[in-house]
Amino acid sequence: EILHLASSIRTGTVTASLMLRKLASYPRQNRLALALRELGRIERTLFTLEWLQSPELRRRATAGLNKGEAKHTLKRAVFFNRLGEIRDRSYEDQFYRASGLNLVIAAIVLWNTVYLEKAVDYLQKQGMDIPEEYLQHLSPLGWEHINLTGDYVWNLKQATSFDQLRPLRVKENKYR
């Protein structure tokens, strides 16, 4: 029965979400639901064993969690007005406020990405060899160098191209 269900989902005869809703709605669990539950337990056990045996899997999961936390921390820093709460009554106003927050976050990430690339290019032109594995640890989610207070005004007429950005601030390296 599991193979029949998998085939039906794969061919598009039925969606997985519909089948799960149908199976969950039965007052008594039928054999297919019980078999799927046991299969899920086996899968969870196999994943737990892999988790315990693989430091690399744990490292990747931790790195992903850290990126998510960094993004949420940046959102909290940007959205400090009204104690970080959306108090608009209408769904449309709430949507606009959340979209504005996402736009500000995207602008910060874009700004940081452009200047991180400029910094890496500058260092490489100076003859510094930067290993690829170091670049994997760069993140455009920092904001310590950005003044987050004030109003965010969207004026597309003042938009600038990437050719007109301010020059990279370079401090002389005393340890070279």
N, C-alpha and C. Protein backbone atom coordinates (compact mmCIF):
# COMPACT_ATOMS: atom_id res chain seq x y z
N GLU A 1 0.82 -1.19 0.00
CA GLU A 1 0.00 0.00 0.00
C GLU A 1 0.86 1.26 0.00
N ILE A 2 2.01 1.19 0.69
CA ILE A 2 2.91 2.36 0.71
C ILE A 2 3.44 2.64 -0.69
N LEU A 3 3.81 1.59 -1.41
CA LEU A 3 4.32 1.78 -2.77
C LEU A 3 3.23 2.35 -3.68
N HIS A 4 2.01 1.89 -3.52
CA HIS A 4 0.89 2.41 -4.31
C HIS A 4 0.69 3.90 -4.02
N LEU A 5 0.74 4.27 -2.75
CA LEU A 5 0.60 5.68 -2.36
C LEU A 5 1.74 6.52 -2.93
N ALA A 6 2.98 6.01 -2.81
CA ALA A 6 4.13 6.74 -3.34
C ALA A 6 4.02 6.94 -4.84
N SER A 7 3.55 5.91 -5.54
CA SER A 7 3.37 6.01 -6.99
C SER A 7 2.30 7.04 -7.34
N SER A 8 1.22 7.06 -6.58
CA SER A 8 0.15 8.04 -6.83
C SER A 8 0.64 9.46 -6.60
N ILE A 9 1.44 9.66 -5.58
CA ILE A 9 1.99 10.99 -5.31
C ILE A 9 2.98 11.39 -6.39
N ARG A 10 3.83 10.45 -6.80
CA ARG A 10 4.85 10.74 -7.80
C ARG A 10 4.24 11.08 -9.15
N THR A 11 3.17 10.39 -9.53
CA THR A 11 2.53 10.66 -10.83
C THR A 11 1.61 11.86 -10.79
N GLY A 12 1.34 12.38 -9.60
CA GLY A 12 0.50 13.56 -9.48
C GLY A 12 -0.98 13.25 -9.39
N THR A 13 -1.33 11.98 -9.24
CA THR A 13 -2.74 11.61 -9.10
C THR A 13 -3.33 12.21 -7.84
N VAL A 14 -2.53 12.28 -6.79
CA VAL A 14 -2.96 12.84 -5.52
C VAL A 14 -1.78 13.59 -4.92
N THR A 15 -2.07 14.63 -4.15
CA THR A 15 -0.99 15.37 -3.49
C THR A 15 -0.70 14.74 -2.13
N ALA A 16 0.52 14.89 -1.69
CA ALA A 16 0.91 14.32 -0.39
C ALA A 16 0.12 14.98 0.74
N SER A 17 -0.11 16.28 0.64
CA SER A 17 -0.84 16.96 1.72
C SER A 17 -2.28 16.46 1.81
N LEU A 18 -2.91 16.20 0.66
CA LEU A 18 -4.28 15.68 0.68
C LEU A 18 -4.32 14.30 1.32
N MET A 19 -3.36 13.44 0.97
CA MET A 19 -3.36 12.09 1.55
C MET A 19 -3.12 12.14 3.05
N LEU A 20 -2.23 13.00 3.50
CA LEU A 20 -1.98 13.10 4.93
C LEU A 20 -3.22 13.61 5.67
N ARG A 21 -3.92 14.57 5.06
CA ARG A 21 -5.17 15.04 5.68
C ARG A 21 -6.21 13.93 5.75
N LYS A 22 -6.32 13.16 4.67
CA LYS A 22 -7.29 12.06 4.65
C LYS A 22 -6.95 11.02 5.70
N LEU A 23 -5.67 10.65 5.78
CA LEU A 23 -5.27 9.62 6.75
C LEU A 23 -5.46 10.11 8.18
N ALA A 24 -5.22 11.40 8.41
CA ALA A 24 -5.37 11.93 9.76
C ALA A 24 -6.83 12.09 10.16
N SER A 25 -7.72 12.17 9.18
CA SER A 25 -9.13 12.40 9.51
C SER A 25 -9.88 11.13 9.90
N TYR A 26 -9.31 9.96 9.62
CA TYR A 26 -9.99 8.72 10.00
C TYR A 26 -10.06 8.62 11.52
N PRO A 27 -11.22 8.20 12.07
CA PRO A 27 -11.32 8.08 13.53
C PRO A 27 -10.38 7.00 14.08
N ARG A 28 -10.26 5.90 13.37
CA ARG A 28 -9.29 4.85 13.76
C ARG A 28 -8.18 4.83 12.74
N GLN A 29 -6.98 4.66 13.19
CA GLN A 29 -5.85 4.62 12.28
C GLN A 29 -5.90 3.33 11.45
N ASN A 30 -5.86 3.47 10.14
CA ASN A 30 -5.84 2.27 9.30
C ASN A 30 -4.41 1.77 9.14
N ARG A 31 -4.27 0.66 8.44
CA ARG A 31 -2.95 0.02 8.31
C ARG A 31 -1.95 0.92 7.58
N LEU A 32 -2.40 1.64 6.57
CA LEU A 32 -1.49 2.51 5.83
C LEU A 32 -0.94 3.62 6.73
N ALA A 33 -1.80 4.23 7.53
CA ALA A 33 -1.34 5.29 8.43
C ALA A 33 -0.36 4.74 9.45
N LEU A 34 -0.64 3.56 9.99
CA LEU A 34 0.28 2.95 10.95
C LEU A 34 1.62 2.61 10.30
N ALA A 35 1.57 2.10 9.06
CA ALA A 35 2.81 1.76 8.36
C ALA A 35 3.63 3.02 8.08
N LEU A 36 2.96 4.09 7.68
CA LEU A 36 3.68 5.35 7.43
C LEU A 36 4.29 5.92 8.70
N ARG A 37 3.58 5.78 9.82
CA ARG A 37 4.12 6.24 11.09
C ARG A 37 5.38 5.46 11.46
N GLU A 38 5.35 4.14 11.28
CA GLU A 38 6.52 3.32 11.59
C GLU A 38 7.68 3.64 10.65
N LEU A 39 7.37 3.89 9.38
CA LEU A 39 8.40 4.27 8.42
C LEU A 39 9.05 5.60 8.84
N GLY A 40 8.23 6.53 9.31
CA GLY A 40 8.76 7.80 9.81
C GLY A 40 9.66 7.62 11.02
N ARG A 41 9.28 6.71 11.90
CA ARG A 41 10.12 6.44 13.07
C ARG A 41 11.46 5.84 12.66
N ILE A 42 11.44 4.96 11.67
CA ILE A 42 12.70 4.37 11.18
C ILE A 42 13.58 5.47 10.59
N GLU A 43 12.96 6.33 9.78
CA GLU A 43 13.72 7.43 9.16
C GLU A 43 14.32 8.35 10.22
N ARG A 44 13.54 8.67 11.24
CA ARG A 44 14.03 9.53 12.32
C ARG A 44 15.18 8.86 13.07
N THR A 45 15.09 7.56 13.29
CA THR A 45 16.16 6.82 13.97
C THR A 45 17.43 6.84 13.13
N LEU A 46 17.29 6.62 11.82
CA LEU A 46 18.46 6.64 10.94
C LEU A 46 19.11 8.03 10.93
N PHE A 47 18.29 9.07 10.91
CA PHE A 47 18.84 10.42 10.94
C PHE A 47 19.56 10.68 12.26
N THR A 48 18.97 10.23 13.36
CA THR A 48 19.59 10.43 14.68
C THR A 48 20.95 9.74 14.74
N LEU A 49 21.02 8.53 14.19
CA LEU A 49 22.30 7.81 14.17
C LEU A 49 23.32 8.56 13.32
N GLU A 50 22.88 9.05 12.16
CA GLU A 50 23.80 9.81 11.31
C GLU A 50 24.25 11.10 12.01
N TRP A 51 23.32 11.75 12.72
CA TRP A 51 23.64 12.97 13.45
C TRP A 51 24.71 12.70 14.50
N LEU A 52 24.57 11.60 15.22
CA LEU A 52 25.53 11.27 16.27
C LEU A 52 26.89 10.89 15.70
N GLN A 53 26.92 10.31 14.51
CA GLN A 53 28.18 9.84 13.93
C GLN A 53 28.88 10.89 13.08
N SER A 54 28.18 11.91 12.63
CA SER A 54 28.76 12.83 11.67
C SER A 54 28.96 14.23 12.25
N PRO A 55 30.19 14.55 12.62
CA PRO A 55 30.46 15.92 13.08
C PRO A 55 30.22 16.95 11.96
N GLU A 56 30.45 16.55 10.71
CA GLU A 56 30.25 17.45 9.58
C GLU A 56 28.78 17.85 9.44
N LEU A 57 27.87 16.90 9.62
CA LEU A 57 26.44 17.20 9.57
C LEU A 57 26.06 18.17 10.69
N ARG A 58 26.58 17.95 11.87
CA ARG A 58 26.28 18.84 12.99
C ARG A 58 26.85 20.24 12.74
N ARG A 59 28.04 20.32 12.15
CA ARG A 59 28.65 21.61 11.83
C ARG A 59 27.81 22.38 10.81
N ARG A 60 27.36 21.67 9.76
CA ARG A 60 26.54 22.32 8.73
C ARG A 60 25.22 22.81 9.31
N ALA A 61 24.61 21.99 10.16
CA ALA A 61 23.34 22.38 10.78
C ALA A 61 23.54 23.59 11.68
N THR A 62 24.62 23.60 12.44
CA THR A 62 24.90 24.73 13.33
C THR A 62 25.16 26.00 12.52
N ALA A 63 25.89 25.86 11.41
CA ALA A 63 26.16 27.03 10.56
C ALA A 63 24.86 27.58 9.99
N GLY A 64 23.97 26.70 9.56
CA GLY A 64 22.67 27.15 9.05
C GLY A 64 21.85 27.85 10.12
N LEU A 65 21.86 27.30 11.32
CA LEU A 65 21.13 27.93 12.42
C LEU A 65 21.72 29.30 12.76
N ASN A 66 23.05 29.39 12.74
CA ASN A 66 23.70 30.67 13.03
C ASN A 66 23.33 31.74 12.00
N LYS A 67 23.23 31.34 10.71
CA LYS A 67 22.84 32.30 9.68
C LYS A 67 21.41 32.79 9.92
N GLY A 68 20.54 31.86 10.26
CA GLY A 68 19.16 32.25 10.54
C GLY A 68 19.07 33.19 11.73
N GLU A 69 19.83 32.88 12.77
CA GLU A 69 19.84 33.74 13.96
C GLU A 69 20.40 35.12 13.64
N ALA A 70 21.44 35.18 12.80
CA ALA A 70 22.02 36.47 12.43
C ALA A 70 21.01 37.31 11.66
N LYS A 71 20.24 36.67 10.78
CA LYS A 71 19.22 37.41 10.03
C LYS A 71 18.13 37.93 10.96
N HIS A 72 17.69 37.11 11.90
CA HIS A 72 16.66 37.55 12.84
C HIS A 72 17.18 38.66 13.76
N THR A 73 18.44 38.59 14.14
CA THR A 73 19.03 39.63 14.97
C THR A 73 19.08 40.96 14.21
N LEU A 74 19.45 40.89 12.93
CA LEU A 74 19.44 42.10 12.10
C LEU A 74 18.03 42.65 11.97
N LYS A 75 17.04 41.78 11.78
CA LYS A 75 15.65 42.26 11.69
C LYS A 75 15.21 42.93 12.98
N ARG A 76 15.60 42.37 14.11
CA ARG A 76 15.23 42.99 15.39
C ARG A 76 15.92 44.34 15.55
N ALA A 77 17.16 44.45 15.08
CA ALA A 77 17.88 45.73 15.18
C ALA A 77 17.23 46.79 14.30
N VAL A 78 16.80 46.41 13.11
CA VAL A 78 16.18 47.36 12.20
C VAL A 78 14.79 47.75 12.69
N PHE A 79 14.05 46.78 13.20
CA PHE A 79 12.65 47.00 13.56
C PHE A 79 12.52 47.24 15.05
N PHE A 80 13.10 48.34 15.52
CA PHE A 80 13.04 48.66 16.94
C PHE A 80 11.88 49.59 17.27
N ASN A 81 11.28 50.22 16.26
CA ASN A 81 10.17 51.14 16.49
C ASN A 81 8.97 50.39 17.06
N ARG A 82 8.26 51.02 17.97
CA ARG A 82 7.09 50.43 18.62
C ARG A 82 7.44 49.12 19.31
N LEU A 83 8.63 49.08 19.86
CA LEU A 83 9.12 47.91 20.59
C LEU A 83 9.15 46.65 19.73
N GLY A 84 9.33 46.81 18.43
CA GLY A 84 9.42 45.67 17.54
C GLY A 84 8.12 44.96 17.28
N GLU A 85 7.01 45.63 17.51
CA GLU A 85 5.70 45.01 17.29
C GLU A 85 4.99 45.70 16.12
N ILE A 86 4.32 44.90 15.31
CA ILE A 86 3.49 45.45 14.25
C ILE A 86 2.11 45.67 14.84
N ARG A 87 1.74 46.93 14.98
CA ARG A 87 0.47 47.25 15.64
C ARG A 87 -0.59 47.74 14.65
N ASP A 88 -0.31 47.63 13.39
CA ASP A 88 -1.30 48.04 12.40
C ASP A 88 -2.49 47.08 12.45
N ARG A 89 -3.67 47.62 12.23
CA ARG A 89 -4.88 46.80 12.35
C ARG A 89 -5.17 46.01 11.08
N SER A 90 -5.03 46.63 9.95
CA SER A 90 -5.43 45.94 8.71
C SER A 90 -4.30 45.04 8.21
N TYR A 91 -4.71 43.98 7.56
CA TYR A 91 -3.75 43.03 7.00
C TYR A 91 -2.85 43.72 5.99
N GLU A 92 -3.44 44.61 5.19
CA GLU A 92 -2.68 45.30 4.16
C GLU A 92 -1.57 46.15 4.77
N ASP A 93 -1.89 46.89 5.83
CA ASP A 93 -0.87 47.71 6.49
C ASP A 93 0.21 46.84 7.13
N GLN A 94 -0.18 45.73 7.73
CA GLN A 94 0.79 44.80 8.30
C GLN A 94 1.70 44.25 7.20
N PHE A 95 1.10 43.93 6.07
CA PHE A 95 1.87 43.42 4.94
C PHE A 95 2.87 44.46 4.45
N TYR A 96 2.44 45.73 4.34
CA TYR A 96 3.34 46.79 3.91
C TYR A 96 4.49 46.98 4.88
N ARG A 97 4.20 46.93 6.17
CA ARG A 97 5.24 47.11 7.17
C ARG A 97 6.25 45.95 7.11
N ALA A 98 5.77 44.73 6.99
CA ALA A 98 6.67 43.57 6.89
C ALA A 98 7.47 43.62 5.60
N SER A 99 6.84 44.04 4.51
CA SER A 99 7.55 44.15 3.24
C SER A 99 8.62 45.23 3.31
N GLY A 100 8.32 46.33 3.97
CA GLY A 100 9.32 47.38 4.15
C GLY A 100 10.52 46.89 4.95
N LEU A 101 10.24 46.12 6.00
CA LEU A 101 11.33 45.54 6.80
C LEU A 101 12.20 44.63 5.93
N ASN A 102 11.56 43.78 5.14
CA ASN A 102 12.32 42.88 4.27
C ASN A 102 13.12 43.66 3.23
N LEU A 103 12.57 44.77 2.75
CA LEU A 103 13.29 45.59 1.78
C LEU A 103 14.52 46.24 2.41
N VAL A 104 14.39 46.73 3.63
CA VAL A 104 15.55 47.32 4.33
C VAL A 104 16.62 46.25 4.56
N ILE A 105 16.21 45.07 4.99
CA ILE A 105 17.17 43.97 5.21
C ILE A 105 17.87 43.63 3.90
N ALA A 106 17.11 43.54 2.81
CA ALA A 106 17.71 43.23 1.51
C ALA A 106 18.70 44.31 1.08
N ALA A 107 18.36 45.57 1.35
CA ALA A 107 19.27 46.67 1.00
C ALA A 107 20.57 46.59 1.80
N ILE A 108 20.46 46.27 3.08
CA ILE A 108 21.66 46.14 3.92
C ILE A 108 22.52 44.98 3.43
N VAL A 109 21.88 43.86 3.12
CA VAL A 109 22.63 42.69 2.63
C VAL A 109 23.29 43.01 1.30
N LEU A 110 22.58 43.69 0.40
CA LEU A 110 23.17 44.07 -0.89
C LEU A 110 24.35 45.01 -0.69
N TRP A 111 24.17 46.03 0.13
CA TRP A 111 25.25 46.99 0.42
C TRP A 111 26.48 46.26 0.95
N ASN A 112 26.27 45.42 1.94
CA ASN A 112 27.40 44.71 2.55
C ASN A 112 28.05 43.75 1.56
N THR A 113 27.26 43.09 0.73
CA THR A 113 27.82 42.16 -0.25
C THR A 113 28.70 42.89 -1.25
N VAL A 114 28.23 44.03 -1.74
CA VAL A 114 29.01 44.81 -2.71
C VAL A 114 30.33 45.23 -2.09
N TYR A 115 30.30 45.73 -0.85
CA TYR A 115 31.54 46.21 -0.24
C TYR A 115 32.43 45.08 0.26
N LEU A 116 31.86 43.95 0.63
CA LEU A 116 32.71 42.80 0.96
C LEU A 116 33.46 42.33 -0.28
N GLU A 117 32.77 42.34 -1.42
CA GLU A 117 33.43 41.96 -2.67
C GLU A 117 34.55 42.95 -3.01
N LYS A 118 34.27 44.25 -2.82
CA LYS A 118 35.30 45.26 -3.07
C LYS A 118 36.51 45.05 -2.15
N ALA A 119 36.25 44.73 -0.89
CA ALA A 119 37.33 44.53 0.07
C ALA A 119 38.17 43.31 -0.31
N VAL A 120 37.52 42.23 -0.70
CA VAL A 120 38.25 41.02 -1.09
C VAL A 120 39.07 41.31 -2.35
N ASP A 121 38.48 42.00 -3.33
CA ASP A 121 39.22 42.35 -4.55
C ASP A 121 40.43 43.22 -4.23
N TYR A 122 40.26 44.18 -3.33
CA TYR A 122 41.36 45.06 -2.94
C TYR A 122 42.49 44.26 -2.31
N LEU A 123 42.14 43.37 -1.39
CA LEU A 123 43.17 42.57 -0.73
C LEU A 123 43.89 41.66 -1.72
N GLN A 124 43.15 41.09 -2.66
CA GLN A 124 43.79 40.23 -3.66
C GLN A 124 44.70 41.04 -4.58
N LYS A 125 44.30 42.27 -4.92
CA LYS A 125 45.16 43.13 -5.74
C LYS A 125 46.42 43.54 -5.00
N GLN A 126 46.35 43.58 -3.66
CA GLN A 126 47.52 43.90 -2.85
C GLN A 126 48.45 42.69 -2.71
N GLY A 127 48.06 41.57 -3.31
CA GLY A 127 48.89 40.38 -3.27
C GLY A 127 48.56 39.41 -2.15
N MET A 128 47.51 39.66 -1.42
CA MET A 128 47.14 38.77 -0.33
C MET A 128 46.36 37.58 -0.89
N ASP A 129 46.78 36.40 -0.51
CA ASP A 129 46.09 35.18 -0.94
C ASP A 129 45.01 34.87 0.09
N ILE A 130 43.76 34.85 -0.34
CA ILE A 130 42.64 34.57 0.56
C ILE A 130 42.09 33.20 0.19
N PRO A 131 42.27 32.21 1.04
CA PRO A 131 41.76 30.87 0.73
C PRO A 131 40.23 30.86 0.59
N GLU A 132 39.75 30.03 -0.31
CA GLU A 132 38.30 29.94 -0.58
C GLU A 132 37.52 29.55 0.67
N GLU A 133 38.10 28.72 1.51
CA GLU A 133 37.37 28.29 2.71
C GLU A 133 37.18 29.45 3.70
N TYR A 134 38.03 30.48 3.64
CA TYR A 134 37.82 31.66 4.48
C TYR A 134 36.63 32.48 3.98
N LEU A 135 36.50 32.56 2.65
CA LEU A 135 35.42 33.35 2.07
C LEU A 135 34.05 32.76 2.40
N GLN A 136 34.00 31.47 2.64
CA GLN A 136 32.73 30.83 2.99
C GLN A 136 32.20 31.33 4.33
N HIS A 137 33.05 31.89 5.15
CA HIS A 137 32.64 32.34 6.48
C HIS A 137 32.27 33.83 6.52
N LEU A 138 32.37 34.52 5.38
CA LEU A 138 31.95 35.92 5.33
C LEU A 138 30.42 35.98 5.33
N SER A 139 29.88 36.97 5.99
CA SER A 139 28.43 37.14 6.03
C SER A 139 28.07 38.60 5.81
N PRO A 140 27.10 38.86 4.94
CA PRO A 140 26.67 40.25 4.71
C PRO A 140 25.61 40.72 5.70
N LEU A 141 25.48 40.05 6.84
CA LEU A 141 24.41 40.38 7.78
C LEU A 141 24.84 41.31 8.91
N GLY A 142 26.05 41.83 8.86
CA GLY A 142 26.50 42.77 9.89
C GLY A 142 25.90 44.15 9.68
N TRP A 143 25.76 44.90 10.75
CA TRP A 143 25.16 46.25 10.64
C TRP A 143 25.81 47.25 11.58
N GLU A 144 26.89 46.89 12.23
CA GLU A 144 27.51 47.79 13.20
C GLU A 144 27.95 49.10 12.56
N HIS A 145 28.23 49.09 11.27
CA HIS A 145 28.70 50.27 10.56
C HIS A 145 27.56 51.09 9.95
N ILE A 146 26.32 50.71 10.23
CA ILE A 146 25.15 51.37 9.63
C ILE A 146 24.34 52.04 10.74
N ASN A 147 23.98 53.30 10.53
CA ASN A 147 23.12 54.01 11.48
C ASN A 147 21.67 53.63 11.17
N LEU A 148 21.05 52.91 12.08
CA LEU A 148 19.70 52.40 11.83
C LEU A 148 18.59 53.32 12.35
N THR A 149 18.95 54.44 12.95
CA THR A 149 17.91 55.33 13.47
C THR A 149 17.43 56.25 12.36
N GLY A 150 16.20 56.70 12.48
CA GLY A 150 15.64 57.62 11.50
C GLY A 150 14.52 56.98 10.72
N ASP A 151 14.07 57.70 9.71
CA ASP A 151 12.98 57.23 8.86
C ASP A 151 13.56 56.64 7.58
N TYR A 152 12.91 55.63 7.07
CA TYR A 152 13.31 55.03 5.80
C TYR A 152 12.39 55.60 4.73
N VAL A 153 12.97 56.38 3.82
CA VAL A 153 12.20 57.04 2.77
C VAL A 153 12.54 56.36 1.45
N TRP A 154 11.51 55.95 0.73
CA TRP A 154 11.71 55.26 -0.54
C TRP A 154 11.58 56.28 -1.67
N ASN A 155 12.69 56.70 -2.24
CA ASN A 155 12.69 57.65 -3.33
C ASN A 155 13.48 57.03 -4.48
N LEU A 156 12.76 56.49 -5.44
CA LEU A 156 13.42 55.81 -6.55
C LEU A 156 14.12 56.77 -7.50
N LYS A 157 13.77 58.06 -7.47
CA LYS A 157 14.43 59.03 -8.34
C LYS A 157 15.88 59.25 -7.93
N GLN A 158 16.19 59.00 -6.67
CA GLN A 158 17.55 59.20 -6.18
C GLN A 158 18.37 57.91 -6.23
N ALA A 159 17.84 56.88 -6.84
CA ALA A 159 18.56 55.61 -6.91
C ALA A 159 19.88 55.81 -7.65
N THR A 160 20.89 55.15 -7.20
CA THR A 160 22.22 55.29 -7.78
C THR A 160 22.67 53.94 -8.34
N SER A 161 23.60 54.00 -9.25
CA SER A 161 24.13 52.75 -9.80
C SER A 161 25.31 52.30 -8.95
N PHE A 162 25.72 51.08 -9.18
CA PHE A 162 26.84 50.55 -8.41
C PHE A 162 28.17 51.18 -8.81
N ASP A 163 28.18 51.92 -9.92
CA ASP A 163 29.41 52.60 -10.35
C ASP A 163 29.65 53.88 -9.55
N GLN A 164 28.63 54.39 -8.86
CA GLN A 164 28.73 55.66 -8.16
C GLN A 164 28.81 55.48 -6.64
N LEU A 165 29.23 54.36 -6.17
CA LEU A 165 29.31 54.12 -4.73
C LEU A 165 30.54 54.79 -4.15
N ARG A 166 30.50 55.02 -2.87
CA ARG A 166 31.65 55.65 -2.21
C ARG A 166 32.85 54.71 -2.29
N PRO A 167 34.06 55.26 -2.24
CA PRO A 167 35.25 54.40 -2.29
C PRO A 167 35.38 53.57 -1.01
N LEU A 168 36.07 52.48 -1.14
CA LEU A 168 36.32 51.58 -0.02
C LEU A 168 37.23 52.28 0.99
N ARG A 169 36.86 52.23 2.26
CA ARG A 169 37.71 52.80 3.31
C ARG A 169 38.80 51.78 3.63
N VAL A 170 40.05 52.21 3.46
CA VAL A 170 41.16 51.29 3.67
C VAL A 170 42.06 51.85 4.76
N LYS A 171 42.31 51.04 5.77
CA LYS A 171 43.25 51.42 6.81
C LYS A 171 44.57 50.70 6.53
N GLU A 172 45.65 51.40 6.81
CA GLU A 172 46.96 50.80 6.57
C GLU A 172 47.19 49.66 7.56
N ASN A 173 47.69 48.55 7.04
CA ASN A 173 47.96 47.38 7.86
C ASN A 173 49.34 47.54 8.50
N LYS A 174 49.38 47.69 9.81
CA LYS A 174 50.64 47.89 10.52
C LYS A 174 51.39 46.58 10.73
N TYR A 175 50.73 45.47 10.53
CA TYR A 175 51.33 44.18 10.85
C TYR A 175 51.87 43.46 9.63
N ARG A 176 51.91 44.08 8.52
CA ARG A 176 52.37 43.43 7.30
C ARG A 176 53.85 43.45 7.20
